[in-house]
Amino acid sequence: MATTNDLKNGLVLNLDGDLWSVVEFQHVKPGKGGAFVRTTLKNVLSGKVVDKTFNAGTKVETATVDKRTMQYLYLDGEDFVFMDLDTFDQITVPVGTVGENANYLLPEAEATVATHEGVPLYIELPTSVFLEVTYTEPGLQGDRSTGGTKPATVETGATVNVPLFITTGEKIKVDTRDGRYLGRS
């Protein structure tokens, strides 16, 4: 348990059985009436963002979220298997928890896996990864780096828009947050 005076960005709260991460908070002391804390909370599982106001000094239940660097091993049916790099314990993470990150996840890649009481909540990938282009239409004579883009399929099966001069077999750098092409490797 903590009070609203202990709130800080990134702290995870357990409110009504759901886990909420504090995105932003502000202590307000109006001229008339009691002080309060205005917060912006993000649901850890669904990503939903809400604004919530607490009276100053109110007790809130905190949740312990364990973040560990793990290595992705393989896909087991619908689940992704990760190994803790310190203890070598393996955990399975459901495909729904991995979400869009599956488009940029290669075997042996490292990711941060957040768990609460042994249940995987989400994974965080590095901001960029290097992936090999497995298929793209061939470029045409006169293609320039400042020209348009074309779709390219990378080794994970994801589609990334790349400049016209990129060919099949090249390694490219991709932003894992929005799937943008960042350059060649």
C-alpha atoms as a PDB file:
ATOM      1  CA  MET A   1       0.000   0.000   0.000  1.00  0.00           C
ATOM      2  CA  ALA A   2       1.086   3.538  -0.712  1.00  0.00           C
ATOM      3  CA  THR A   3      -0.498   6.957  -0.460  1.00  0.00           C
ATOM      4  CA  THR A   4      -1.139   9.380  -3.291  1.00  0.00           C
ATOM      5  CA  ASN A   5       1.883  11.338  -2.048  1.00  0.00           C
ATOM      6  CA  ASP A   6       4.085   8.387  -3.125  1.00  0.00           C
ATOM      7  CA  LEU A   7       2.847   8.370  -6.743  1.00  0.00           C
ATOM      8  CA  LYS A   8       5.444   8.642  -9.488  1.00  0.00           C
ATOM      9  CA  ASN A   9       5.546   7.988 -13.225  1.00  0.00           C
ATOM     10  CA  GLY A  10       5.793   4.293 -14.081  1.00  0.00           C
ATOM     11  CA  LEU A  11       4.363   3.087 -10.753  1.00  0.00           C
ATOM     12  CA  VAL A  12       1.800   0.299 -11.253  1.00  0.00           C
ATOM     13  CA  LEU A  13      -1.408   0.460  -9.208  1.00  0.00           C
ATOM     14  CA  ASN A  14      -3.950  -2.279  -8.562  1.00  0.00           C
ATOM     15  CA  LEU A  15      -7.343  -0.549  -8.840  1.00  0.00           C
ATOM     16  CA  ASP A  16     -10.541  -2.627  -8.830  1.00  0.00           C
ATOM     17  CA  GLY A  17      -8.633  -5.754  -9.867  1.00  0.00           C
ATOM     18  CA  ASP A  18      -6.977  -4.120 -12.903  1.00  0.00           C
ATOM     19  CA  LEU A  19      -3.355  -3.038 -13.228  1.00  0.00           C
ATOM     20  CA  TRP A  20      -2.833   0.636 -14.141  1.00  0.00           C
ATOM     21  CA  SER A  21       0.481   2.360 -14.826  1.00  0.00           C
ATOM     22  CA  VAL A  22       0.863   6.009 -13.777  1.00  0.00           C
ATOM     23  CA  VAL A  23       1.622   8.012 -16.938  1.00  0.00           C
ATOM     24  CA  GLU A  24       1.357  11.457 -15.390  1.00  0.00           C
ATOM     25  CA  PHE A  25       0.402  12.919 -12.024  1.00  0.00           C
ATOM     26  CA  GLN A  26      -0.073  16.378 -10.555  1.00  0.00           C
ATOM     27  CA  HIS A  27      -0.581  17.449  -6.942  1.00  0.00           C
ATOM     28  CA  VAL A  28      -3.142  20.271  -6.788  1.00  0.00           C
ATOM     29  CA  LYS A  29      -3.709  22.520  -3.750  1.00  0.00           C
ATOM     30  CA  PRO A  30      -6.613  24.811  -4.545  1.00  0.00           C
ATOM     31  CA  GLY A  31      -7.168  27.965  -2.504  1.00  0.00           C
ATOM     32  CA  LYS A  32     -10.438  26.594  -1.192  1.00  0.00           C
ATOM     33  CA  GLY A  33     -11.025  22.951  -0.255  1.00  0.00           C
ATOM     34  CA  GLY A  34      -8.684  20.017   0.229  1.00  0.00           C
ATOM     35  CA  ALA A  35      -5.687  19.067  -1.853  1.00  0.00           C
ATOM     36  CA  PHE A  36      -6.003  16.343  -4.473  1.00  0.00           C
ATOM     37  CA  VAL A  37      -3.916  14.420  -6.990  1.00  0.00           C
ATOM     38  CA  ARG A  38      -4.896  14.418 -10.669  1.00  0.00           C
ATOM     39  CA  THR A  39      -3.495  11.377 -12.550  1.00  0.00           C
ATOM     40  CA  THR A  40      -3.432   9.910 -16.023  1.00  0.00           C
ATOM     41  CA  LEU A  41      -3.450   6.113 -15.858  1.00  0.00           C
ATOM     42  CA  LYS A  42      -2.846   3.530 -18.581  1.00  0.00           C
ATOM     43  CA  ASN A  43      -4.233  -0.001 -18.320  1.00  0.00           C
ATOM     44  CA  VAL A  44      -1.246  -2.345 -18.470  1.00  0.00           C
ATOM     45  CA  LEU A  45      -3.096  -5.068 -20.390  1.00  0.00           C
ATOM     46  CA  SER A  46      -5.482  -3.205 -22.713  1.00  0.00           C
ATOM     47  CA  GLY A  47      -3.590   0.086 -23.156  1.00  0.00           C
ATOM     48  CA  LYS A  48      -6.711   2.128 -22.322  1.00  0.00           C
ATOM     49  CA  VAL A  49      -5.888   5.579 -20.893  1.00  0.00           C
ATOM     50  CA  VAL A  50      -8.086   7.262 -18.259  1.00  0.00           C
ATOM     51  CA  ASP A  51      -7.892  10.327 -16.013  1.00  0.00           C
ATOM     52  CA  LYS A  52      -8.529   9.725 -12.312  1.00  0.00           C
ATOM     53  CA  THR A  53      -8.525  12.104  -9.358  1.00  0.00           C
ATOM     54  CA  PHE A  54      -7.612  11.040  -5.806  1.00  0.00           C
ATOM     55  CA  ASN A  55      -7.946  13.025  -2.579  1.00  0.00           C
ATOM     56  CA  ALA A  56      -4.513  13.828  -1.109  1.00  0.00           C
ATOM     57  CA  GLY A  57      -3.305  11.150   1.304  1.00  0.00           C
ATOM     58  CA  THR A  58      -5.663   8.471  -0.032  1.00  0.00           C
ATOM     59  CA  LYS A  59      -4.217   4.967   0.199  1.00  0.00           C
ATOM     60  CA  VAL A  60      -3.777   3.132  -3.108  1.00  0.00           C
ATOM     61  CA  GLU A  61      -2.711  -0.457  -3.655  1.00  0.00           C
ATOM     62  CA  THR A  62       0.506  -0.858  -5.623  1.00  0.00           C
ATOM     63  CA  ALA A  63       1.353  -3.890  -7.741  1.00  0.00           C
ATOM     64  CA  THR A  64       4.779  -5.420  -8.134  1.00  0.00           C
ATOM     65  CA  VAL A  65       5.725  -5.716 -11.797  1.00  0.00           C
ATOM     66  CA  ASP A  66       8.897  -7.675 -12.444  1.00  0.00           C
ATOM     67  CA  LYS A  67      10.733  -6.673 -15.635  1.00  0.00           C
ATOM     68  CA  ARG A  68      13.431  -9.052 -16.844  1.00  0.00           C
ATOM     69  CA  THR A  69      15.568  -9.281 -19.942  1.00  0.00           C
ATOM     70  CA  MET A  70      14.724 -12.538 -21.668  1.00  0.00           C
ATOM     71  CA  GLN A  71      15.648 -14.273 -24.890  1.00  0.00           C
ATOM     72  CA  TYR A  72      12.956 -15.376 -27.339  1.00  0.00           C
ATOM     73  CA  LEU A  73      13.472 -19.050 -28.142  1.00  0.00           C
ATOM     74  CA  TYR A  74      10.671 -20.362 -30.343  1.00  0.00           C
ATOM     75  CA  LEU A  75       6.960 -20.367 -31.154  1.00  0.00           C
ATOM     76  CA  ASP A  76       5.058 -23.213 -29.471  1.00  0.00           C
ATOM     77  CA  GLY A  77       1.667 -23.355 -31.186  1.00  0.00           C
ATOM     78  CA  GLU A  78       0.077 -20.004 -30.261  1.00  0.00           C
ATOM     79  CA  ASP A  79       2.553 -19.212 -27.466  1.00  0.00           C
ATOM     80  CA  PHE A  80       5.985 -17.606 -27.547  1.00  0.00           C
ATOM     81  CA  VAL A  81       8.628 -19.244 -25.343  1.00  0.00           C
ATOM     82  CA  PHE A  82      11.119 -16.926 -23.595  1.00  0.00           C
ATOM     83  CA  MET A  83      14.117 -17.830 -21.423  1.00  0.00           C
ATOM     84  CA  ASP A  84      15.338 -15.775 -18.467  1.00  0.00           C
ATOM     85  CA  LEU A  85      19.007 -14.965 -19.144  1.00  0.00           C
ATOM     86  CA  ASP A  86      19.917 -15.115 -15.435  1.00  0.00           C
ATOM     87  CA  THR A  87      18.104 -18.223 -14.177  1.00  0.00           C
ATOM     88  CA  PHE A  88      17.512 -20.010 -17.536  1.00  0.00           C
ATOM     89  CA  ASP A  89      13.848 -20.512 -16.544  1.00  0.00           C
ATOM     90  CA  GLN A  90      11.463 -20.630 -19.489  1.00  0.00           C
ATOM     91  CA  ILE A  91       8.037 -18.997 -19.619  1.00  0.00           C
ATOM     92  CA  THR A  92       5.361 -19.041 -22.289  1.00  0.00           C
ATOM     93  CA  VAL A  93       3.793 -15.766 -23.364  1.00  0.00           C
ATOM     94  CA  PRO A  94       0.430 -15.891 -25.191  1.00  0.00           C
ATOM     95  CA  VAL A  95       0.256 -14.408 -28.697  1.00  0.00           C
ATOM     96  CA  GLY A  96      -2.255 -11.794 -27.469  1.00  0.00           C
ATOM     97  CA  THR A  97       0.270 -10.486 -24.939  1.00  0.00           C
ATOM     98  CA  VAL A  98       3.051 -10.239 -27.543  1.00  0.00           C
ATOM     99  CA  GLY A  99       0.682  -8.475 -29.976  1.00  0.00           C
ATOM    100  CA  GLU A 100       2.226  -6.429 -32.812  1.00  0.00           C
ATOM    101  CA  ASN A 101       5.722  -7.073 -31.419  1.00  0.00           C
ATOM    102  CA  ALA A 102       5.575 -10.501 -33.084  1.00  0.00           C
ATOM    103  CA  ASN A 103       6.252  -8.731 -36.404  1.00  0.00           C
ATOM    104  CA  TYR A 104       9.772  -7.839 -35.225  1.00  0.00           C
ATOM    105  CA  LEU A 105      10.677 -10.826 -33.038  1.00  0.00           C
ATOM    106  CA  LEU A 106      13.360 -13.239 -34.264  1.00  0.00           C
ATOM    107  CA  PRO A 107      14.566 -16.354 -32.421  1.00  0.00           C
ATOM    108  CA  GLU A 108      17.404 -15.556 -29.979  1.00  0.00           C
ATOM    109  CA  ALA A 109      16.359 -11.876 -29.855  1.00  0.00           C
ATOM    110  CA  GLU A 110      16.340 -10.221 -26.446  1.00  0.00           C
ATOM    111  CA  ALA A 111      13.257  -8.494 -25.061  1.00  0.00           C
ATOM    112  CA  THR A 112      12.077  -7.180 -21.713  1.00  0.00           C
ATOM    113  CA  VAL A 113       9.218  -9.281 -20.339  1.00  0.00           C
ATOM    114  CA  ALA A 114       7.068  -7.735 -17.587  1.00  0.00           C
ATOM    115  CA  THR A 115       5.272 -10.133 -15.236  1.00  0.00           C
ATOM    116  CA  HIS A 116       2.948  -9.737 -12.259  1.00  0.00           C
ATOM    117  CA  GLU A 117       2.671 -12.741  -9.928  1.00  0.00           C
ATOM    118  CA  GLY A 118       4.115 -14.952 -12.672  1.00  0.00           C
ATOM    119  CA  VAL A 119       1.614 -13.810 -15.334  1.00  0.00           C
ATOM    120  CA  PRO A 120       3.181 -12.118 -18.385  1.00  0.00           C
ATOM    121  CA  LEU A 121       1.714  -8.625 -18.876  1.00  0.00           C
ATOM    122  CA  TYR A 122       3.578  -7.275 -21.925  1.00  0.00           C
ATOM    123  CA  ILE A 123       6.908  -7.351 -23.711  1.00  0.00           C
ATOM    124  CA  GLU A 124       9.138  -4.474 -24.735  1.00  0.00           C
ATOM    125  CA  LEU A 125      11.461  -4.772 -27.725  1.00  0.00           C
ATOM    126  CA  PRO A 126      14.470  -2.596 -28.496  1.00  0.00           C
ATOM    127  CA  THR A 127      13.395   0.527 -30.432  1.00  0.00           C
ATOM    128  CA  SER A 128      14.902  -0.851 -33.645  1.00  0.00           C
ATOM    129  CA  VAL A 129      15.842  -4.238 -35.100  1.00  0.00           C
ATOM    130  CA  PHE A 130      17.706  -5.444 -38.183  1.00  0.00           C
ATOM    131  CA  LEU A 131      15.652  -7.715 -40.458  1.00  0.00           C
ATOM    132  CA  GLU A 132      16.407  -9.325 -43.806  1.00  0.00           C
ATOM    133  CA  VAL A 133      14.161  -8.542 -46.767  1.00  0.00           C
ATOM    134  CA  THR A 134      12.828 -11.872 -48.064  1.00  0.00           C
ATOM    135  CA  TYR A 135      10.804 -10.449 -50.953  1.00  0.00           C
ATOM    136  CA  THR A 136      10.289  -7.143 -52.692  1.00  0.00           C
ATOM    137  CA  GLU A 137       9.620  -6.106 -56.250  1.00  0.00           C
ATOM    138  CA  PRO A 138      12.830  -5.302 -58.158  1.00  0.00           C
ATOM    139  CA  GLY A 139      13.774  -1.649 -58.453  1.00  0.00           C
ATOM    140  CA  LEU A 140      13.695   0.089 -61.817  1.00  0.00           C
ATOM    141  CA  GLN A 141      16.419   2.023 -63.588  1.00  0.00           C
ATOM    142  CA  GLY A 142      16.447   5.595 -62.339  1.00  0.00           C
ATOM    143  CA  ASP A 143      15.103   4.830 -58.848  1.00  0.00           C
ATOM    144  CA  ARG A 144      16.385   7.386 -56.360  1.00  0.00           C
ATOM    145  CA  SER A 145      16.664   7.336 -52.588  1.00  0.00           C
ATOM    146  CA  THR A 146      14.386  10.373 -52.359  1.00  0.00           C
ATOM    147  CA  GLY A 147      11.704   8.771 -54.521  1.00  0.00           C
ATOM    148  CA  GLY A 148       8.697   6.715 -53.485  1.00  0.00           C
ATOM    149  CA  THR A 149       8.404   3.545 -51.499  1.00  0.00           C
ATOM    150  CA  LYS A 150       7.377  -0.039 -52.134  1.00  0.00           C
ATOM    151  CA  PRO A 151       6.256  -2.854 -49.820  1.00  0.00           C
ATOM    152  CA  ALA A 152       8.857  -5.396 -48.722  1.00  0.00           C
ATOM    153  CA  THR A 153       8.324  -8.612 -46.784  1.00  0.00           C
ATOM    154  CA  VAL A 154      10.904  -9.223 -44.040  1.00  0.00           C
ATOM    155  CA  GLU A 155      12.005 -12.515 -42.494  1.00  0.00           C
ATOM    156  CA  THR A 156       9.367 -12.365 -39.727  1.00  0.00           C
ATOM    157  CA  GLY A 157       6.564 -12.103 -42.311  1.00  0.00           C
ATOM    158  CA  ALA A 158       5.833  -8.427 -41.620  1.00  0.00           C
ATOM    159  CA  THR A 159       5.476  -5.902 -44.451  1.00  0.00           C
ATOM    160  CA  VAL A 160       7.555  -2.723 -44.325  1.00  0.00           C
ATOM    161  CA  ASN A 161       7.496   0.192 -46.784  1.00  0.00           C
ATOM    162  CA  VAL A 162      11.034   0.662 -48.094  1.00  0.00           C
ATOM    163  CA  PRO A 163      12.684   2.961 -50.661  1.00  0.00           C
ATOM    164  CA  LEU A 164      12.653   1.787 -54.273  1.00  0.00           C
ATOM    165  CA  PHE A 165      16.386   0.907 -54.308  1.00  0.00           C
ATOM    166  CA  ILE A 166      16.112  -1.833 -51.619  1.00  0.00           C
ATOM    167  CA  THR A 167      16.456  -5.367 -53.047  1.00  0.00           C
ATOM    168  CA  THR A 168      15.649  -8.868 -51.799  1.00  0.00           C
ATOM    169  CA  GLY A 169      18.320 -10.211 -49.434  1.00  0.00           C
ATOM    170  CA  GLU A 170      19.355  -6.866 -47.940  1.00  0.00           C
ATOM    171  CA  LYS A 171      19.249  -6.251 -44.182  1.00  0.00           C
ATOM    172  CA  ILE A 172      17.281  -3.190 -43.129  1.00  0.00           C
ATOM    173  CA  LYS A 173      16.789  -1.376 -39.836  1.00  0.00           C
ATOM    174  CA  VAL A 174      13.122  -1.174 -38.748  1.00  0.00           C
ATOM    175  CA  ASP A 175      11.539   0.887 -35.940  1.00  0.00           C
ATOM    176  CA  THR A 176       9.633  -1.573 -33.693  1.00  0.00           C
ATOM    177  CA  ARG A 177       7.236   1.117 -32.418  1.00  0.00           C
ATOM    178  CA  ASP A 178       5.622   1.940 -35.766  1.00  0.00           C
ATOM    179  CA  GLY A 179       7.197  -0.347 -38.395  1.00  0.00           C
ATOM    180  CA  ARG A 180       9.040   2.441 -40.256  1.00  0.00           C
ATOM    181  CA  TYR A 181      12.099   1.805 -42.401  1.00  0.00           C
ATOM    182  CA  LEU A 182      15.116   3.486 -40.768  1.00  0.00           C
ATOM    183  CA  GLY A 183      17.956   2.523 -43.122  1.00  0.00           C
ATOM    184  CA  ARG A 184      20.233  -0.250 -44.274  1.00  0.00           C
ATOM    185  CA  SER A 185      22.422  -2.178 -41.919  1.00  0.00           C
END
